[in-house]
Amino acid sequence: MRRRLATMVLATMAACTALLPAVMAAGPEDDVAAATRAWVEAYNSRDPQKILSLYSPDAVFWGTSSPTRGT
């Protein structure tokens, strides 16, 4: 039983170690691309709550070129 547990722990550690370089390789460009994809998906869902969830609770939204003010 202990040997099986030790094998599982070592296998999990090896898998995490193998994935570490890919996670560390992500840079600012990847972060911006991921945030942009998340925003586009939220916008395309037409769900205001999904869009709002991507912003800070104290965010200030400025008007657009729309002739009317949204609520």
Protein backbone atom coordinates (compact mmCIF):
# COMPACT_ATOMS: atom_id res chain seq x y z
CA MET A 1 0.00 0.00 0.00
CA ARG A 2 2.78 2.44 0.92
CA ARG A 3 4.72 1.57 -2.20
CA ARG A 4 1.65 2.28 -4.35
CA LEU A 5 1.11 5.62 -2.62
CA ALA A 6 4.78 6.53 -3.04
CA THR A 7 4.58 5.65 -6.74
CA MET A 8 1.50 7.83 -7.18
CA VAL A 9 3.14 10.75 -5.38
CA LEU A 10 6.29 10.47 -7.48
CA ALA A 11 4.27 10.23 -10.69
CA THR A 12 2.29 13.33 -9.73
CA MET A 13 5.47 15.24 -8.90
CA ALA A 14 7.03 14.20 -12.21
CA ALA A 15 3.98 15.37 -14.13
CA CYS A 16 3.97 18.73 -12.34
CA THR A 17 7.69 19.16 -12.96
CA ALA A 18 7.23 18.38 -16.65
CA LEU A 19 4.54 21.08 -16.95
CA LEU A 20 6.46 23.73 -15.02
CA PRO A 21 8.55 25.07 -17.95
CA ALA A 22 5.42 25.65 -20.03
CA VAL A 23 3.83 27.63 -17.22
CA MET A 24 6.98 29.63 -16.59
CA ALA A 25 7.41 30.37 -20.31
CA ALA A 26 4.20 32.39 -20.41
CA GLY A 27 5.00 36.05 -20.71
CA PRO A 28 3.14 39.35 -20.78
CA GLU A 29 2.01 38.76 -24.37
CA ASP A 30 0.42 35.46 -23.36
CA ASP A 31 -1.29 37.12 -20.39
CA VAL A 32 -2.73 39.85 -22.61
CA ALA A 33 -3.87 37.32 -25.21
CA ALA A 34 -5.59 35.21 -22.53
CA ALA A 35 -7.32 38.25 -21.01
CA THR A 36 -8.46 39.39 -24.45
CA ARG A 37 -9.85 35.94 -25.27
CA ALA A 38 -11.73 35.88 -21.95
CA TRP A 39 -13.20 39.32 -22.61
CA VAL A 40 -14.27 38.41 -26.18
CA GLU A 41 -15.93 35.22 -24.93
CA ALA A 42 -17.75 37.15 -22.19
CA TYR A 43 -18.83 39.87 -24.64
CA ASN A 44 -20.05 37.35 -27.20
CA SER A 45 -22.09 35.58 -24.53
CA ARG A 46 -24.26 38.74 -24.29
CA ASP A 47 -24.27 38.25 -20.53
CA PRO A 48 -23.44 41.54 -18.75
CA GLN A 49 -22.55 39.71 -15.53
CA LYS A 50 -19.85 37.70 -17.34
CA ILE A 51 -18.35 40.91 -18.70
CA LEU A 52 -18.54 42.69 -15.35
CA SER A 53 -16.86 39.76 -13.61
CA LEU A 54 -13.69 40.54 -15.57
CA TYR A 55 -13.39 44.00 -14.02
CA SER A 56 -12.52 45.24 -10.56
CA PRO A 57 -15.59 45.95 -8.39
CA ASP A 58 -14.58 49.61 -8.20
CA ALA A 59 -13.92 50.02 -11.94
CA VAL A 60 -15.19 53.18 -13.60
CA PHE A 61 -16.74 52.82 -17.04
CA TRP A 62 -16.47 55.80 -19.37
CA GLY A 63 -18.96 56.53 -22.10
CA THR A 64 -18.53 55.49 -25.70
CA SER A 65 -19.48 57.30 -28.86
CA SER A 66 -23.10 56.26 -28.29
CA PRO A 67 -25.57 59.16 -28.39
CA THR A 68 -27.36 57.71 -25.34
CA ARG A 69 -26.15 56.72 -21.92
CA GLY A 70 -26.49 53.05 -20.97
CA THR A 71 -27.71 51.96 -17.56
